[in-house]
Amino acid sequence: MGDILDDFVRQSRETSDSVEHFMTISESDKHWQARREFILRYFAEYERRGEIESLLGLSMVYANHVFLGCQYNEVVLKKVKKMAEGIEIEDAPQFTTRDEIMKRSHQ
């Protein structure tokens, strides 16, 4: 049992270390921690399928939507929101979309 646990810890540490190089120079620690958690959740699955670039793209969509208020294709955004369920971000910014502003001005 100890060998299995040691192997699991070693693999987890290796995965965590390998993900660190995906942080971009422009990311704040807060931004990176959320995106890192997103990546780590799905890293093994996407690596097994040879789709790490897709995962990194989805992680950027997630982070840009949460931290910058960027809008994306409805299907992609729905997928990313589902993947990110349970990721806690303290003091996440709140954005008002152009459509929400326009709706209010016409009431």
PDB file of N, CA and C in Angstrom:
ATOM      1  N   MET A   1       0.828  -1.196   0.000  1.00  0.00           N
ATOM      2  CA  MET A   1       0.000   0.000   0.000  1.00  0.00           C
ATOM      3  C   MET A   1       0.871   1.259   0.000  1.00  0.00           C
ATOM      4  N   GLY A   2       1.967   1.224   0.746  1.00  0.00           N
ATOM      5  CA  GLY A   2       2.864   2.371   0.815  1.00  0.00           C
ATOM      6  C   GLY A   2       3.461   2.716  -0.532  1.00  0.00           C
ATOM      7  N   ASP A   3       3.810   1.689  -1.333  1.00  0.00           N
ATOM      8  CA  ASP A   3       4.373   1.932  -2.665  1.00  0.00           C
ATOM      9  C   ASP A   3       3.366   2.622  -3.575  1.00  0.00           C
ATOM     10  N   ILE A   4       2.118   2.210  -3.477  1.00  0.00           N
ATOM     11  CA  ILE A   4       1.062   2.813  -4.302  1.00  0.00           C
ATOM     12  C   ILE A   4       0.882   4.281  -3.926  1.00  0.00           C
ATOM     13  N   LEU A   5       0.839   4.557  -2.635  1.00  0.00           N
ATOM     14  CA  LEU A   5       0.682   5.932  -2.164  1.00  0.00           C
ATOM     15  C   LEU A   5       1.894   6.779  -2.549  1.00  0.00           C
ATOM     16  N   ASP A   6       3.077   6.249  -2.393  1.00  0.00           N
ATOM     17  CA  ASP A   6       4.302   6.974  -2.780  1.00  0.00           C
ATOM     18  C   ASP A   6       4.297   7.286  -4.273  1.00  0.00           C
ATOM     19  N   ASP A   7       3.880   6.315  -5.067  1.00  0.00           N
ATOM     20  CA  ASP A   7       3.820   6.514  -6.519  1.00  0.00           C
ATOM     21  C   ASP A   7       2.804   7.602  -6.870  1.00  0.00           C
ATOM     22  N   PHE A   8       1.659   7.569  -6.201  1.00  0.00           N
ATOM     23  CA  PHE A   8       0.620   8.583  -6.445  1.00  0.00           C
ATOM     24  C   PHE A   8       1.138   9.978  -6.102  1.00  0.00           C
ATOM     25  N   VAL A   9       1.785  10.115  -4.969  1.00  0.00           N
ATOM     26  CA  VAL A   9       2.327  11.411  -4.541  1.00  0.00           C
ATOM     27  C   VAL A   9       3.380  11.890  -5.528  1.00  0.00           C
ATOM     28  N   ARG A  10       4.260  10.996  -5.971  1.00  0.00           N
ATOM     29  CA  ARG A  10       5.310  11.349  -6.931  1.00  0.00           C
ATOM     30  C   ARG A  10       4.693  11.825  -8.250  1.00  0.00           C
ATOM     31  N   GLN A  11       3.694  11.092  -8.745  1.00  0.00           N
ATOM     32  CA  GLN A  11       3.033  11.474  -9.999  1.00  0.00           C
ATOM     33  C   GLN A  11       2.314  12.812  -9.848  1.00  0.00           C
ATOM     34  N   SER A  12       1.662  13.010  -8.724  1.00  0.00           N
ATOM     35  CA  SER A  12       0.961  14.276  -8.489  1.00  0.00           C
ATOM     36  C   SER A  12       1.938  15.441  -8.455  1.00  0.00           C
ATOM     37  N   ARG A  13       3.069  15.246  -7.803  1.00  0.00           N
ATOM     38  CA  ARG A  13       4.093  16.287  -7.717  1.00  0.00           C
ATOM     39  C   ARG A  13       4.670  16.578  -9.101  1.00  0.00           C
ATOM     40  N   GLU A  14       4.926  15.544  -9.887  1.00  0.00           N
ATOM     41  CA  GLU A  14       5.457  15.725 -11.245  1.00  0.00           C
ATOM     42  C   GLU A  14       4.462  16.477 -12.123  1.00  0.00           C
ATOM     43  N   THR A  15       3.189  16.136 -12.021  1.00  0.00           N
ATOM     44  CA  THR A  15       2.156  16.826 -12.797  1.00  0.00           C
ATOM     45  C   THR A  15       2.085  18.284 -12.384  1.00  0.00           C
ATOM     46  N   SER A  16       2.067  18.523 -11.092  1.00  0.00           N
ATOM     47  CA  SER A  16       2.006  19.894 -10.594  1.00  0.00           C
ATOM     48  C   SER A  16       3.200  20.704 -11.079  1.00  0.00           C
ATOM     49  N   ASP A  17       4.385  20.126 -11.015  1.00  0.00           N
ATOM     50  CA  ASP A  17       5.597  20.820 -11.464  1.00  0.00           C
ATOM     51  C   ASP A  17       5.558  21.090 -12.966  1.00  0.00           C
ATOM     52  N   SER A  18       5.057  20.134 -13.741  1.00  0.00           N
ATOM     53  CA  SER A  18       5.034  20.316 -15.199  1.00  0.00           C
ATOM     54  C   SER A  18       4.030  21.379 -15.630  1.00  0.00           C
ATOM     55  N   VAL A  19       2.998  21.591 -14.854  1.00  0.00           N
ATOM     56  CA  VAL A  19       1.982  22.592 -15.185  1.00  0.00           C
ATOM     57  C   VAL A  19       2.501  24.007 -14.948  1.00  0.00           C
ATOM     58  N   GLU A  20       3.433  24.174 -14.040  1.00  0.00           N
ATOM     59  CA  GLU A  20       3.930  25.511 -13.680  1.00  0.00           C
ATOM     60  C   GLU A  20       4.465  26.306 -14.873  1.00  0.00           C
ATOM     61  N   HIS A  21       5.014  25.653 -15.857  1.00  0.00           N
ATOM     62  CA  HIS A  21       5.577  26.394 -16.985  1.00  0.00           C
ATOM     63  C   HIS A  21       4.511  26.967 -17.925  1.00  0.00           C
ATOM     64  N   PHE A  22       3.233  26.678 -17.666  1.00  0.00           N
ATOM     65  CA  PHE A  22       2.155  27.240 -18.475  1.00  0.00           C
ATOM     66  C   PHE A  22       1.731  28.634 -18.009  1.00  0.00           C
ATOM     67  N   MET A  23       2.238  29.076 -16.873  1.00  0.00           N
ATOM     68  CA  MET A  23       1.909  30.422 -16.392  1.00  0.00           C
ATOM     69  C   MET A  23       2.508  31.447 -17.349  1.00  0.00           C
ATOM     70  N   THR A  24       1.696  32.446 -17.712  1.00  0.00           N
ATOM     71  CA  THR A  24       2.197  33.497 -18.603  1.00  0.00           C
ATOM     72  C   THR A  24       2.759  34.647 -17.777  1.00  0.00           C
ATOM     73  N   ILE A  25       3.620  35.415 -18.387  1.00  0.00           N
ATOM     74  CA  ILE A  25       4.296  36.516 -17.691  1.00  0.00           C
ATOM     75  C   ILE A  25       3.311  37.593 -17.237  1.00  0.00           C
ATOM     76  N   SER A  26       2.180  37.703 -17.923  1.00  0.00           N
ATOM     77  CA  SER A  26       1.217  38.761 -17.596  1.00  0.00           C
ATOM     78  C   SER A  26       0.184  38.339 -16.548  1.00  0.00           C
ATOM     79  N   GLU A  27       0.227  37.097 -16.093  1.00  0.00           N
ATOM     80  CA  GLU A  27      -0.767  36.626 -15.129  1.00  0.00           C
ATOM     81  C   GLU A  27      -0.411  37.011 -13.703  1.00  0.00           C
ATOM     82  N   SER A  28      -1.408  37.517 -12.991  1.00  0.00           N
ATOM     83  CA  SER A  28      -1.220  37.759 -11.559  1.00  0.00           C
ATOM     84  C   SER A  28      -1.272  36.411 -10.845  1.00  0.00           C
ATOM     85  N   ASP A  29      -0.831  36.390  -9.606  1.00  0.00           N
ATOM     86  CA  ASP A  29      -0.889  35.149  -8.834  1.00  0.00           C
ATOM     87  C   ASP A  29      -2.328  34.648  -8.708  1.00  0.00           C
ATOM     88  N   LYS A  30      -3.247  35.554  -8.485  1.00  0.00           N
ATOM     89  CA  LYS A  30      -4.654  35.192  -8.334  1.00  0.00           C
ATOM     90  C   LYS A  30      -5.193  34.564  -9.624  1.00  0.00           C
ATOM     91  N   HIS A  31      -4.887  35.194 -10.733  1.00  0.00           N
ATOM     92  CA  HIS A  31      -5.301  34.707 -12.046  1.00  0.00           C
ATOM     93  C   HIS A  31      -4.697  33.320 -12.290  1.00  0.00           C
ATOM     94  N   TRP A  32      -3.400  33.183 -12.047  1.00  0.00           N
ATOM     95  CA  TRP A  32      -2.717  31.921 -12.292  1.00  0.00           C
ATOM     96  C   TRP A  32      -3.232  30.813 -11.381  1.00  0.00           C
ATOM     97  N   GLN A  33      -3.486  31.086 -10.119  1.00  0.00           N
ATOM     98  CA  GLN A  33      -3.941  30.039  -9.205  1.00  0.00           C
ATOM     99  C   GLN A  33      -5.265  29.437  -9.681  1.00  0.00           C
ATOM    100  N   ALA A  34      -6.172  30.279 -10.158  1.00  0.00           N
ATOM    101  CA  ALA A  34      -7.457  29.777 -10.659  1.00  0.00           C
ATOM    102  C   ALA A  34      -7.259  28.977 -11.946  1.00  0.00           C
ATOM    103  N   ARG A  35      -6.453  29.497 -12.853  1.00  0.00           N
ATOM    104  CA  ARG A  35      -6.213  28.805 -14.121  1.00  0.00           C
ATOM    105  C   ARG A  35      -5.438  27.509 -13.882  1.00  0.00           C
ATOM    106  N   ARG A  36      -4.498  27.546 -12.948  1.00  0.00           N
ATOM    107  CA  ARG A  36      -3.711  26.357 -12.603  1.00  0.00           C
ATOM    108  C   ARG A  36      -4.622  25.254 -12.070  1.00  0.00           C
ATOM    109  N   GLU A  37      -5.555  25.612 -11.195  1.00  0.00           N
ATOM    110  CA  GLU A  37      -6.491  24.622 -10.662  1.00  0.00           C
ATOM    111  C   GLU A  37      -7.320  24.019 -11.790  1.00  0.00           C
ATOM    112  N   PHE A  38      -7.766  24.873 -12.717  1.00  0.00           N
ATOM    113  CA  PHE A  38      -8.531  24.414 -13.869  1.00  0.00           C
ATOM    114  C   PHE A  38      -7.704  23.400 -14.671  1.00  0.00           C
ATOM    115  N   ILE A  39      -6.461  23.739 -14.960  1.00  0.00           N
ATOM    116  CA  ILE A  39      -5.580  22.869 -15.748  1.00  0.00           C
ATOM    117  C   ILE A  39      -5.330  21.547 -15.021  1.00  0.00           C
ATOM    118  N   LEU A  40      -5.014  21.625 -13.739  1.00  0.00           N
ATOM    119  CA  LEU A  40      -4.693  20.409 -12.974  1.00  0.00           C
ATOM    120  C   LEU A  40      -5.863  19.434 -12.915  1.00  0.00           C
ATOM    121  N   ARG A  41      -7.071  19.942 -12.887  1.00  0.00           N
ATOM    122  CA  ARG A  41      -8.248  19.067 -12.840  1.00  0.00           C
ATOM    123  C   ARG A  41      -8.318  18.137 -14.048  1.00  0.00           C
ATOM    124  N   TYR A  42      -7.902  18.633 -15.193  1.00  0.00           N
ATOM    125  CA  TYR A  42      -8.106  17.896 -16.441  1.00  0.00           C
ATOM    126  C   TYR A  42      -6.802  17.505 -17.136  1.00  0.00           C
ATOM    127  N   PHE A  43      -5.666  17.783 -16.506  1.00  0.00           N
ATOM    128  CA  PHE A  43      -4.371  17.577 -17.148  1.00  0.00           C
ATOM    129  C   PHE A  43      -4.178  16.134 -17.617  1.00  0.00           C
ATOM    130  N   ALA A  44      -4.398  15.173 -16.739  1.00  0.00           N
ATOM    131  CA  ALA A  44      -4.165  13.759 -17.083  1.00  0.00           C
ATOM    132  C   ALA A  44      -5.044  13.333 -18.256  1.00  0.00           C
ATOM    133  N   GLU A  45      -6.300  13.737 -18.214  1.00  0.00           N
ATOM    134  CA  GLU A  45      -7.240  13.359 -19.283  1.00  0.00           C
ATOM    135  C   GLU A  45      -6.815  13.942 -20.633  1.00  0.00           C
ATOM    136  N   TYR A  46      -6.504  15.235 -20.661  1.00  0.00           N
ATOM    137  CA  TYR A  46      -6.135  15.887 -21.912  1.00  0.00           C
ATOM    138  C   TYR A  46      -4.741  15.444 -22.380  1.00  0.00           C
ATOM    139  N   GLU A  47      -3.848  15.155 -21.456  1.00  0.00           N
ATOM    140  CA  GLU A  47      -2.516  14.666 -21.822  1.00  0.00           C
ATOM    141  C   GLU A  47      -2.632  13.291 -22.466  1.00  0.00           C
ATOM    142  N   ARG A  48      -3.462  12.440 -21.895  1.00  0.00           N
ATOM    143  CA  ARG A  48      -3.670  11.091 -22.427  1.00  0.00           C
ATOM    144  C   ARG A  48      -4.193  11.143 -23.863  1.00  0.00           C
ATOM    145  N   ARG A  49      -5.040  12.126 -24.153  1.00  0.00           N
ATOM    146  CA  ARG A  49      -5.615  12.277 -25.497  1.00  0.00           C
ATOM    147  C   ARG A  49      -4.726  13.101 -26.421  1.00  0.00           C
ATOM    148  N   GLY A  50      -3.609  13.613 -25.898  1.00  0.00           N
ATOM    149  CA  GLY A  50      -2.724  14.442 -26.717  1.00  0.00           C
ATOM    150  C   GLY A  50      -3.328  15.799 -27.043  1.00  0.00           C
ATOM    151  N   GLU A  51      -4.124  16.339 -26.112  1.00  0.00           N
ATOM    152  CA  GLU A  51      -4.847  17.584 -26.347  1.00  0.00           C
ATOM    153  C   GLU A  51      -4.534  18.661 -25.316  1.00  0.00           C
ATOM    154  N   ILE A  52      -3.288  18.726 -24.877  1.00  0.00           N
ATOM    155  CA  ILE A  52      -2.907  19.732 -23.882  1.00  0.00           C
ATOM    156  C   ILE A  52      -3.164  21.138 -24.408  1.00  0.00           C
ATOM    157  N   GLU A  53      -2.889  21.395 -25.674  1.00  0.00           N
ATOM    158  CA  GLU A  53      -3.120  22.733 -26.243  1.00  0.00           C
ATOM    159  C   GLU A  53      -4.592  23.128 -26.132  1.00  0.00           C
ATOM    160  N   SER A  54      -5.490  22.182 -26.330  1.00  0.00           N
ATOM    161  CA  SER A  54      -6.927  22.464 -26.172  1.00  0.00           C
ATOM    162  C   SER A  54      -7.257  22.826 -24.735  1.00  0.00           C
ATOM    163  N   LEU A  55      -6.671  22.084 -23.792  1.00  0.00           N
ATOM    164  CA  LEU A  55      -6.894  22.375 -22.381  1.00  0.00           C
ATOM    165  C   LEU A  55      -6.371  23.764 -22.026  1.00  0.00           C
ATOM    166  N   LEU A  56      -5.201  24.100 -22.532  1.00  0.00           N
ATOM    167  CA  LEU A  56      -4.646  25.427 -22.246  1.00  0.00           C
ATOM    168  C   LEU A  56      -5.539  26.518 -22.824  1.00  0.00           C
ATOM    169  N   GLY A  57      -6.072  26.299 -24.003  1.00  0.00           N
ATOM    170  CA  GLY A  57      -7.000  27.263 -24.592  1.00  0.00           C
ATOM    171  C   GLY A  57      -8.254  27.419 -23.750  1.00  0.00           C
ATOM    172  N   LEU A  58      -8.814  26.313 -23.310  1.00  0.00           N
ATOM    173  CA  LEU A  58     -10.008  26.364 -22.457  1.00  0.00           C
ATOM    174  C   LEU A  58      -9.699  27.058 -21.133  1.00  0.00           C
ATOM    175  N   SER A  59      -8.507  26.829 -20.598  1.00  0.00           N
ATOM    176  CA  SER A  59      -8.140  27.482 -19.336  1.00  0.00           C
ATOM    177  C   SER A  59      -8.023  28.994 -19.516  1.00  0.00           C
ATOM    178  N   MET A  60      -7.561  29.429 -20.685  1.00  0.00           N
ATOM    179  CA  MET A  60      -7.473  30.865 -20.961  1.00  0.00           C
ATOM    180  C   MET A  60      -8.867  31.466 -21.140  1.00  0.00           C
ATOM    181  N   VAL A  61      -9.751  30.737 -21.801  1.00  0.00           N
ATOM    182  CA  VAL A  61     -11.142  31.194 -21.929  1.00  0.00           C
ATOM    183  C   VAL A  61     -11.738  31.378 -20.542  1.00  0.00           C
ATOM    184  N   TYR A  62     -11.538  30.389 -19.680  1.00  0.00           N
ATOM    185  CA  TYR A  62     -12.050  30.456 -18.315  1.00  0.00           C
ATOM    186  C   TYR A  62     -11.507  31.683 -17.574  1.00  0.00           C
ATOM    187  N   ALA A  63     -10.198  31.826 -17.568  1.00  0.00           N
ATOM    188  CA  ALA A  63      -9.580  32.938 -16.842  1.00  0.00           C
ATOM    189  C   ALA A  63      -9.962  34.286 -17.435  1.00  0.00           C
ATOM    190  N   ASN A  64      -9.977  34.404 -18.746  1.00  0.00           N
ATOM    191  CA  ASN A  64     -10.338  35.673 -19.382  1.00  0.00           C
ATOM    192  C   ASN A  64     -11.790  36.038 -19.112  1.00  0.00           C
ATOM    193  N   HIS A  65     -12.642  35.042 -19.078  1.00  0.00           N
ATOM    194  CA  HIS A  65     -14.055  35.311 -18.778  1.00  0.00           C
ATOM    195  C   HIS A  65     -14.218  35.781 -17.329  1.00  0.00           C
ATOM    196  N   VAL A  66     -13.579  35.083 -16.405  1.00  0.00           N
ATOM    197  CA  VAL A  66     -13.718  35.405 -14.978  1.00  0.00           C
ATOM    198  C   VAL A  66     -13.036  36.723 -14.624  1.00  0.00           C
ATOM    199  N   PHE A  67     -11.803  36.913 -15.073  1.00  0.00           N
ATOM    200  CA  PHE A  67     -11.018  38.059 -14.619  1.00  0.00           C
ATOM    201  C   PHE A  67     -11.099  39.284 -15.513  1.00  0.00           C
ATOM    202  N   LEU A  68     -11.428  39.092 -16.786  1.00  0.00           N
ATOM    203  CA  LEU A  68     -11.465  40.226 -17.710  1.00  0.00           C
ATOM    204  C   LEU A  68     -12.851  40.499 -18.277  1.00  0.00           C
ATOM    205  N   GLY A  69     -13.787  39.588 -18.025  1.00  0.00           N
ATOM    206  CA  GLY A  69     -15.149  39.781 -18.509  1.00  0.00           C
ATOM    207  C   GLY A  69     -15.327  39.480 -19.987  1.00  0.00           C
ATOM    208  N   CYS A  70     -14.380  38.773 -20.582  1.00  0.00           N
ATOM    209  CA  CYS A  70     -14.473  38.454 -22.015  1.00  0.00           C
ATOM    210  C   CYS A  70     -15.645  37.512 -22.271  1.00  0.00           C
ATOM    211  N   GLN A  71     -16.283  37.697 -23.408  1.00  0.00           N
ATOM    212  CA  GLN A  71     -17.395  36.849 -23.817  1.00  0.00           C
ATOM    213  C   GLN A  71     -16.939  35.945 -24.957  1.00  0.00           C
ATOM    214  N   TYR A  72     -17.476  34.747 -24.998  1.00  0.00           N
ATOM    215  CA  TYR A  72     -17.106  33.759 -26.000  1.00  0.00           C
ATOM    216  C   TYR A  72     -18.355  33.089 -26.539  1.00  0.00           C
ATOM    217  N   ASN A  73     -18.152  32.257 -27.533  1.00  0.00           N
ATOM    218  CA  ASN A  73     -19.208  31.432 -28.099  1.00  0.00           C
ATOM    219  C   ASN A  73     -19.951  30.733 -26.960  1.00  0.00           C
ATOM    220  N   GLU A  74     -21.268  30.706 -27.055  1.00  0.00           N
ATOM    221  CA  GLU A  74     -22.103  30.161 -25.985  1.00  0.00           C
ATOM    222  C   GLU A  74     -21.767  28.701 -25.656  1.00  0.00           C
ATOM    223  N   VAL A  75     -21.506  27.898 -26.670  1.00  0.00           N
ATOM    224  CA  VAL A  75     -21.193  26.484 -26.457  1.00  0.00           C
ATOM    225  C   VAL A  75     -19.869  26.328 -25.708  1.00  0.00           C
ATOM    226  N   VAL A  76     -18.860  27.085 -26.117  1.00  0.00           N
ATOM    227  CA  VAL A  76     -17.548  27.017 -25.468  1.00  0.00           C
ATOM    228  C   VAL A  76     -17.648  27.501 -24.029  1.00  0.00           C
ATOM    229  N   LEU A  77     -18.324  28.620 -23.828  1.00  0.00           N
ATOM    230  CA  LEU A  77     -18.448  29.180 -22.485  1.00  0.00           C
ATOM    231  C   LEU A  77     -19.209  28.235 -21.556  1.00  0.00           C
ATOM    232  N   LYS A  78     -20.238  27.585 -22.067  1.00  0.00           N
ATOM    233  CA  LYS A  78     -20.996  26.624 -21.260  1.00  0.00           C
ATOM    234  C   LYS A  78     -20.089  25.460 -20.842  1.00  0.00           C
ATOM    235  N   LYS A  79     -19.280  24.964 -21.772  1.00  0.00           N
ATOM    236  CA  LYS A  79     -18.348  23.870 -21.471  1.00  0.00           C
ATOM    237  C   LYS A  79     -17.348  24.288 -20.398  1.00  0.00           C
ATOM    238  N   VAL A  80     -16.777  25.473 -20.556  1.00  0.00           N
ATOM    239  CA  VAL A  80     -15.768  25.966 -19.614  1.00  0.00           C
ATOM    240  C   VAL A  80     -16.376  26.175 -18.228  1.00  0.00           C
ATOM    241  N   LYS A  81     -17.567  26.735 -18.166  1.00  0.00           N
ATOM    242  CA  LYS A  81     -18.217  26.940 -16.870  1.00  0.00           C
ATOM    243  C   LYS A  81     -18.477  25.604 -16.174  1.00  0.00           C
ATOM    244  N   LYS A  82     -18.881  24.608 -16.937  1.00  0.00           N
ATOM    245  CA  LYS A  82     -19.116  23.276 -16.365  1.00  0.00           C
ATOM    246  C   LYS A  82     -17.807  22.693 -15.834  1.00  0.00           C
ATOM    247  N   MET A  83     -16.742  22.829 -16.615  1.00  0.00           N
ATOM    248  CA  MET A  83     -15.434  22.306 -16.201  1.00  0.00           C
ATOM    249  C   MET A  83     -14.927  23.007 -14.945  1.00  0.00           C
ATOM    250  N   ALA A  84     -15.276  24.267 -14.772  1.00  0.00           N
ATOM    251  CA  ALA A  84     -14.754  25.074 -13.663  1.00  0.00           C
ATOM    252  C   ALA A  84     -15.622  25.016 -12.403  1.00  0.00           C
ATOM    253  N   GLU A  85     -16.710  24.270 -12.453  1.00  0.00           N
ATOM    254  CA  GLU A  85     -17.588  24.200 -11.281  1.00  0.00           C
ATOM    255  C   GLU A  85     -16.787  23.817 -10.044  1.00  0.00           C
ATOM    256  N   GLY A  86     -16.961  24.581  -8.984  1.00  0.00           N
ATOM    257  CA  GLY A  86     -16.306  24.285  -7.720  1.00  0.00           C
ATOM    258  C   GLY A  86     -14.985  25.005  -7.500  1.00  0.00           C
ATOM    259  N   ILE A  87     -14.467  25.656  -8.537  1.00  0.00           N
ATOM    260  CA  ILE A  87     -13.245  26.430  -8.335  1.00  0.00           C
ATOM    261  C   ILE A  87     -13.639  27.719  -7.637  1.00  0.00           C
ATOM    262  N   GLU A  88     -13.075  27.936  -6.470  1.00  0.00           N
ATOM    263  CA  GLU A  88     -13.405  29.112  -5.661  1.00  0.00           C
ATOM    264  C   GLU A  88     -12.418  30.230  -5.953  1.00  0.00           C
ATOM    265  N   ILE A  89     -12.943  31.408  -6.243  1.00  0.00           N
ATOM    266  CA  ILE A  89     -12.099  32.583  -6.468  1.00  0.00           C
ATOM    267  C   ILE A  89     -12.568  33.667  -5.518  1.00  0.00           C
ATOM    268  N   GLU A  90     -11.681  34.052  -4.638  1.00  0.00           N
ATOM    269  CA  GLU A  90     -12.005  35.092  -3.678  1.00  0.00           C
ATOM    270  C   GLU A  90     -11.980  36.450  -4.368  1.00  0.00           C
ATOM    271  N   ASP A  91     -13.003  37.256  -4.155  1.00  0.00           N
ATOM    272  CA  ASP A  91     -13.098  38.606  -4.712  1.00  0.00           C
ATOM    273  C   ASP A  91     -13.011  38.637  -6.231  1.00  0.00           C
ATOM    274  N   ALA A  92     -13.724  37.722  -6.892  1.00  0.00           N
ATOM    275  CA  ALA A  92     -13.744  37.735  -8.358  1.00  0.00           C
ATOM    276  C   ALA A  92     -14.437  39.008  -8.831  1.00  0.00           C
ATOM    277  N   PRO A  93     -13.928  39.631  -9.888  1.00  0.00           N
ATOM    278  CA  PRO A  93     -14.548  40.855 -10.379  1.00  0.00           C
ATOM    279  C   PRO A  93     -15.947  40.582 -10.934  1.00  0.00           C
ATOM    280  N   GLN A  94     -16.791  41.593 -10.870  1.00  0.00           N
ATOM    281  CA  GLN A  94     -18.139  41.518 -11.432  1.00  0.00           C
ATOM    282  C   GLN A  94     -18.206  42.447 -12.627  1.00  0.00           C
ATOM    283  N   PHE A  95     -18.723  41.952 -13.747  1.00  0.00           N
ATOM    284  CA  PHE A  95     -18.775  42.745 -14.968  1.00  0.00           C
ATOM    285  C   PHE A  95     -20.205  42.918 -15.431  1.00  0.00           C
ATOM    286  N   THR A  96     -20.451  44.055 -16.059  1.00  0.00           N
ATOM    287  CA  THR A  96     -21.728  44.323 -16.709  1.00  0.00           C
ATOM    288  C   THR A  96     -21.474  44.278 -18.205  1.00  0.00           C
ATOM    289  N   THR A  97     -22.236  43.435 -18.899  1.00  0.00           N
ATOM    290  CA  THR A  97     -22.040  43.320 -20.339  1.00  0.00           C
ATOM    291  C   THR A  97     -22.713  44.480 -21.062  1.00  0.00           C
ATOM    292  N   ARG A  98     -22.287  44.687 -22.289  1.00  0.00           N
ATOM    293  CA  ARG A  98     -22.890  45.732 -23.122  1.00  0.00           C
ATOM    294  C   ARG A  98     -24.382  45.473 -23.277  1.00  0.00           C
ATOM    295  N   ASP A  99     -24.774  44.222 -23.459  1.00  0.00           N
ATOM    296  CA  ASP A  99     -26.191  43.880 -23.613  1.00  0.00           C
ATOM    297  C   ASP A  99     -26.990  44.239 -22.360  1.00  0.00           C
ATOM    298  N   GLU A 100     -26.408  44.016 -21.179  1.00  0.00           N
ATOM    299  CA  GLU A 100     -27.100  44.373 -19.934  1.00  0.00           C
ATOM    300  C   GLU A 100     -27.264  45.886 -19.818  1.00  0.00           C
ATOM    301  N   ILE A 101     -26.259  46.640 -20.205  1.00  0.00           N
ATOM    302  CA  ILE A 101     -26.334  48.100 -20.174  1.00  0.00           C
ATOM    303  C   ILE A 101     -27.399  48.589 -21.147  1.00  0.00           C
ATOM    304  N   MET A 102     -27.418  48.027 -22.328  1.00  0.00           N
ATOM    305  CA  MET A 102     -28.394  48.424 -23.344  1.00  0.00           C
ATOM    306  C   MET A 102     -29.819  48.100 -22.898  1.00  0.00           C
ATOM    307  N   LYS A 103     -29.993  46.944 -22.271  1.00  0.00           N
ATOM    308  CA  LYS A 103     -31.299  46.539 -21.791  1.00  0.00           C
ATOM    309  C   LYS A 103     -31.818  47.531 -20.744  1.00  0.00           C
ATOM    310  N   ARG A 104     -30.937  47.929 -19.821  1.00  0.00           N
ATOM    311  CA  ARG A 104     -31.325  48.889 -18.776  1.00  0.00           C
ATOM    312  C   ARG A 104     -31.683  50.249 -19.361  1.00  0.00           C
ATOM    313  N   SER A 105     -30.950  50.671 -20.380  1.00  0.00           N
ATOM    314  CA  SER A 105     -31.202  52.000 -20.944  1.00  0.00           C
ATOM    315  C   SER A 105     -32.498  52.058 -21.743  1.00  0.00           C
ATOM    316  N   HIS A 106     -33.035  50.910 -22.114  1.00  0.00           N
ATOM    317  CA  HIS A 106     -34.270  50.883 -22.882  1.00  0.00           C
ATOM    318  C   HIS A 106     -35.494  50.557 -22.026  1.00  0.00           C
ATOM    319  N   GLN A 107     -35.303  50.509 -20.727  1.00  0.00           N
ATOM    320  CA  GLN A 107     -36.436  50.207 -19.846  1.00  0.00           C
ATOM    321  C   GLN A 107     -37.123  51.460 -19.413  1.00  0.00           C
TER     322      GLN A 107
END
